[in-house]
Amino acid sequence: MKYYLITVLTTLAFASSSHSTEFNTAYWAQGVGYDCGSFEDLPVPAPEIYTQKEVKFKKLSADKPLNNFMLELSYKGAHEVTCEQTNLYVRNRATQKLELAHTEVNLPELCEATKTWLDEELKNPGYDATPRGHRYLAINIIDGEENEYCEGPVVRALFERKQ
C-alpha cells in the first residue's frame, strides 16, 4: 500500500508540473540505444553505471535555431519512485558541446542522489548528428573513461529523429 501511494503521488506531482520550464520545441528525437562513438558502430548495451542507476534516456528536443536543447531522462529514486528529470542545455558550436544551464526533477527530495550524479556526468557532453536527411543524434555519456563495451573511451546515447 505504501508503494502504491508513493507511485500515485509521483504520477500526480509529475502530471501537474510536467516541467514548467519555458522551451519552444521545434525538433525532437526519441532515445533508442547506445554506440561507441561512431554512427557506423553496432549498438551496444547501456553502460553498467547507467544500468545500475536505471537511467533511461527518453527524449532529446531542440529549439528552431538549434541553440537550446532539452534532455529528458528517467530513473529510480528513493523508495523505488520513478524520477523524471529534464536537463536544459545551451549549445556551444565552437567546442561542439552542450553546456548544462538548468535541471528540473519531479520529486527533488526522493531523486537527489542520482540527480546530483547525472548533473556532474552530463554537465558538458559532446554531441554529434548524422548529416541532414539522416536520422540520428548522439550525446556523449561516457567520455575519456574505460568502459565494458567499447574499445575507445566514448559511449554515446543515441536518439532517432523520425520514428
Foldseek 3Di string as FASTA:
>chain_A
DVLVVLQVVLVVLCVVCVPVDDDAFDFKFFWDAKAFPDPPGDGDHDFPVCVVQVKDFGMWTAHPVRQKIKTWIWGAFPPRYIKIKIWIWGADVVVQKTATDDMDISDCVGHVPVVVVQCVQRRIWHKDDDPPPAFKIWTWSFAPDDTDTYPDRTMITMTTRDD
